[in-house]
N, C-alpha and C. Protein backbone atom coordinates (compact mmCIF):
# COMPACT_ATOMS: atom_id res chain seq x y z
N MET A 1 0.85 -1.18 -0.10
CA MET A 1 -0.05 0.01 -0.06
C MET A 1 0.80 1.31 -0.02
N SER A 2 2.01 1.12 0.47
CA SER A 2 2.89 2.49 0.51
C SER A 2 3.30 2.99 -0.99
N VAL A 3 3.43 2.07 -1.90
CA VAL A 3 3.77 2.46 -3.25
C VAL A 3 2.42 3.16 -3.78
N LEU A 4 1.34 2.49 -3.42
CA LEU A 4 0.02 3.17 -4.08
C LEU A 4 -0.20 4.64 -3.45
N SER A 5 0.12 4.79 -2.16
CA SER A 5 -0.14 6.04 -1.43
C SER A 5 0.99 7.06 -2.08
N THR A 6 2.14 6.59 -2.23
CA THR A 6 3.20 7.41 -2.88
C THR A 6 2.77 7.91 -4.21
N LEU A 7 2.42 7.15 -5.01
CA LEU A 7 1.93 7.57 -6.32
C LEU A 7 0.86 8.54 -6.37
N LEU A 8 -0.19 8.25 -5.42
CA LEU A 8 -1.25 9.14 -5.36
C LEU A 8 -0.96 10.55 -4.74
N TRP A 9 0.04 10.49 -3.75
CA TRP A 9 0.38 11.72 -3.19
C TRP A 9 1.24 12.51 -4.24
N GLY A 10 2.12 11.85 -4.91
CA GLY A 10 2.84 12.58 -6.02
C GLY A 10 1.96 13.17 -7.01
N GLY A 11 0.92 12.44 -7.47
CA GLY A 11 -0.01 12.89 -8.43
C GLY A 11 -0.73 14.12 -8.07
N MET A 12 -0.99 14.11 -6.66
CA MET A 12 -1.83 15.22 -6.10
C MET A 12 -0.81 16.53 -6.01
N ILE A 13 0.21 16.27 -5.58
CA ILE A 13 1.35 17.37 -5.52
C ILE A 13 1.49 17.93 -6.94
N PHE A 14 1.68 17.23 -7.95
CA PHE A 14 1.84 17.69 -9.18
C PHE A 14 0.73 18.40 -9.88
N LEU A 15 -0.43 17.92 -9.44
CA LEU A 15 -1.75 18.70 -9.81
C LEU A 15 -1.77 20.03 -9.02
N VAL A 16 -1.52 20.15 -7.75
CA VAL A 16 -1.44 21.42 -7.13
C VAL A 16 -0.35 22.37 -7.72
N LEU A 17 0.70 21.77 -8.02
CA LEU A 17 1.67 22.53 -8.59
C LEU A 17 1.41 23.06 -9.98
N SER A 18 0.60 22.28 -10.77
CA SER A 18 0.08 22.91 -12.14
C SER A 18 -0.95 23.99 -11.97
N VAL A 19 -1.78 23.98 -10.85
CA VAL A 19 -2.80 24.94 -10.55
C VAL A 19 -2.06 26.14 -10.19
N LEU A 20 -0.98 26.05 -9.40
CA LEU A 20 -0.26 27.25 -8.86
C LEU A 20 0.48 27.88 -10.12
N LEU A 21 1.12 27.22 -10.98
CA LEU A 21 1.70 27.63 -12.07
C LEU A 21 0.73 28.44 -13.10
N SER A 22 -0.39 27.81 -13.18
CA SER A 22 -1.17 28.47 -14.18
C SER A 22 -2.27 29.61 -13.45
N SER A 23 -2.16 29.84 -12.26
CA SER A 23 -3.05 30.71 -11.45
C SER A 23 -2.46 32.19 -11.47
N GLN A 24 -3.19 33.07 -11.05
CA GLN A 24 -2.82 34.58 -10.89
C GLN A 24 -1.81 34.72 -9.57
N ILE A 25 -1.67 33.66 -8.80
CA ILE A 25 -0.84 33.68 -7.59
C ILE A 25 0.63 33.94 -7.95
N LEU A 26 0.93 33.27 -9.21
CA LEU A 26 2.24 33.49 -9.63
C LEU A 26 2.34 34.40 -10.90
N GLY A 27 1.36 35.15 -11.09
CA GLY A 27 1.31 36.06 -12.13
C GLY A 27 0.83 35.54 -13.65
N GLY A 28 -0.05 34.53 -13.38
CA GLY A 28 -0.62 33.83 -14.61
C GLY A 28 -1.69 34.48 -15.17
N GLY A 29 -2.28 35.71 -14.68
CA GLY A 29 -3.56 36.20 -15.12
C GLY A 29 -3.26 37.23 -16.35
N TYR A 30 -4.01 38.31 -16.47
CA TYR A 30 -3.95 39.14 -17.56
C TYR A 30 -2.79 40.21 -17.40
N ALA A 31 -2.46 40.62 -18.48
CA ALA A 31 -1.25 41.67 -18.50
C ALA A 31 -1.96 42.89 -17.99
N ARG A 32 -1.15 43.84 -17.23
CA ARG A 32 -1.58 44.95 -16.71
C ARG A 32 -1.80 46.09 -17.81
N TRP A 33 -2.80 46.89 -17.68
CA TRP A 33 -3.16 47.95 -18.86
C TRP A 33 -2.07 49.00 -18.96
N ASN A 34 -1.27 49.22 -18.04
CA ASN A 34 -0.18 50.30 -17.97
C ASN A 34 1.18 49.76 -18.44
N MET A 35 1.41 48.63 -19.03
CA MET A 35 2.60 48.01 -19.40
C MET A 35 2.84 48.69 -20.76
N ASP A 36 4.18 48.89 -21.10
CA ASP A 36 4.55 49.32 -22.47
C ASP A 36 4.72 47.91 -23.19
N GLU A 37 4.97 47.99 -24.48
CA GLU A 37 4.85 46.88 -25.48
C GLU A 37 5.96 45.76 -24.99
N GLN A 38 7.22 46.25 -24.65
CA GLN A 38 8.33 45.37 -24.38
C GLN A 38 8.06 44.57 -23.17
N ALA A 39 7.55 45.34 -22.03
CA ALA A 39 7.19 44.60 -20.86
C ALA A 39 5.91 43.59 -20.99
N ALA A 40 5.15 43.97 -21.91
CA ALA A 40 4.06 43.13 -22.21
C ALA A 40 4.38 41.76 -22.87
N GLU A 41 5.39 42.04 -23.80
CA GLU A 41 5.86 40.84 -24.66
C GLU A 41 6.63 39.94 -23.53
N VAL A 42 7.51 40.50 -22.86
CA VAL A 42 8.22 39.65 -21.87
C VAL A 42 7.25 39.07 -20.94
N TYR A 43 6.25 39.60 -20.48
CA TYR A 43 5.25 39.03 -19.71
C TYR A 43 4.62 37.78 -20.31
N GLN A 44 4.21 38.05 -21.58
CA GLN A 44 3.43 37.04 -22.22
C GLN A 44 4.40 35.77 -22.61
N GLN A 45 5.78 35.95 -22.78
CA GLN A 45 6.64 34.95 -22.97
C GLN A 45 6.85 34.10 -21.59
N ARG A 46 6.89 34.83 -20.44
CA ARG A 46 7.02 34.27 -19.29
C ARG A 46 5.68 33.40 -18.86
N LYS A 47 4.61 33.89 -19.34
CA LYS A 47 3.33 33.27 -19.02
C LYS A 47 3.32 31.86 -19.82
N LYS A 48 3.78 31.99 -21.11
CA LYS A 48 3.75 30.84 -21.99
C LYS A 48 4.65 29.75 -21.43
N VAL A 49 5.89 30.11 -20.90
CA VAL A 49 6.70 29.11 -20.20
C VAL A 49 6.11 28.55 -18.95
N ARG A 50 5.46 29.40 -18.12
CA ARG A 50 4.72 28.79 -16.93
C ARG A 50 3.65 27.85 -17.32
N MET A 51 2.80 28.13 -18.44
CA MET A 51 1.80 27.40 -19.00
C MET A 51 2.34 26.02 -19.42
N ARG A 52 3.46 26.06 -20.11
CA ARG A 52 4.06 24.75 -20.61
C ARG A 52 4.40 23.88 -19.37
N TRP A 53 4.99 24.49 -18.26
CA TRP A 53 5.45 23.79 -17.08
C TRP A 53 4.20 23.15 -16.42
N ALA A 54 3.12 24.00 -16.38
CA ALA A 54 1.83 23.45 -15.95
C ALA A 54 1.29 22.39 -16.51
N LEU A 55 1.38 22.29 -17.87
CA LEU A 55 1.00 21.28 -18.78
C LEU A 55 1.85 20.00 -18.42
N ARG A 56 3.04 20.19 -18.23
CA ARG A 56 4.02 19.06 -17.84
C ARG A 56 3.66 18.45 -16.64
N CYS A 57 3.38 19.37 -15.59
CA CYS A 57 2.92 18.88 -14.31
C CYS A 57 1.70 18.06 -14.39
N VAL A 58 0.69 18.45 -15.27
CA VAL A 58 -0.56 17.66 -15.45
C VAL A 58 -0.16 16.44 -16.00
N LEU A 59 0.59 16.36 -17.02
CA LEU A 59 0.88 15.18 -17.63
C LEU A 59 1.51 14.14 -16.73
N VAL A 60 2.41 14.69 -15.78
CA VAL A 60 3.19 13.75 -14.91
C VAL A 60 2.14 13.15 -13.86
N ALA A 61 1.24 14.15 -13.39
CA ALA A 61 0.22 13.64 -12.52
C ALA A 61 -0.63 12.59 -13.17
N LEU A 62 -1.05 12.81 -14.35
CA LEU A 62 -1.82 11.59 -15.13
C LEU A 62 -1.04 10.45 -15.10
N ILE A 63 0.30 10.41 -15.39
CA ILE A 63 1.14 9.24 -15.45
C ILE A 63 1.07 8.42 -14.07
N LEU A 64 1.26 9.31 -13.05
CA LEU A 64 1.28 8.90 -11.66
C LEU A 64 -0.08 8.28 -11.24
N PHE A 65 -1.15 8.87 -11.61
CA PHE A 65 -2.48 8.36 -11.23
C PHE A 65 -2.60 6.98 -12.03
N THR A 66 -2.19 7.02 -13.27
CA THR A 66 -2.36 5.74 -14.04
C THR A 66 -1.56 4.65 -13.47
N ALA A 67 -0.31 4.99 -13.11
CA ALA A 67 0.60 4.00 -12.41
C ALA A 67 -0.06 3.38 -11.24
N ALA A 68 -0.75 4.33 -10.28
CA ALA A 68 -1.48 3.91 -9.16
C ALA A 68 -2.53 3.04 -9.44
N LEU A 69 -3.29 3.33 -10.52
CA LEU A 69 -4.42 2.38 -10.85
C LEU A 69 -3.84 1.11 -11.24
N LEU A 70 -2.91 1.05 -11.91
CA LEU A 70 -2.26 -0.30 -12.35
C LEU A 70 -1.83 -1.04 -11.06
N VAL A 71 -0.99 -0.29 -10.17
CA VAL A 71 -0.56 -0.93 -8.87
C VAL A 71 -1.84 -1.51 -8.02
N TYR A 72 -2.80 -0.72 -8.16
CA TYR A 72 -3.98 -1.13 -7.22
C TYR A 72 -4.70 -2.29 -7.87
N ASN A 73 -4.65 -2.48 -9.30
CA ASN A 73 -5.40 -3.57 -9.86
C ASN A 73 -4.49 -4.78 -9.89
N LEU A 74 -3.13 -4.68 -9.55
CA LEU A 74 -2.33 -5.92 -9.66
C LEU A 74 -2.35 -6.46 -8.30
């Protein structure tokens, strides 16, 4: 059971990390209206990088949950 719980906890941690990366807590929201063009472009690039990392975290969480399901059924 410890392998199963480890996989489930790992999946939950990666899901929380993906939510934090894509949320406004880490600046994932909208660009501010008083930004100049260069700052807005840098902001958008950083947002794209955060969203890529959030997607990777979701994929890792899905893999961990799938592995937990396989371990549970064996």
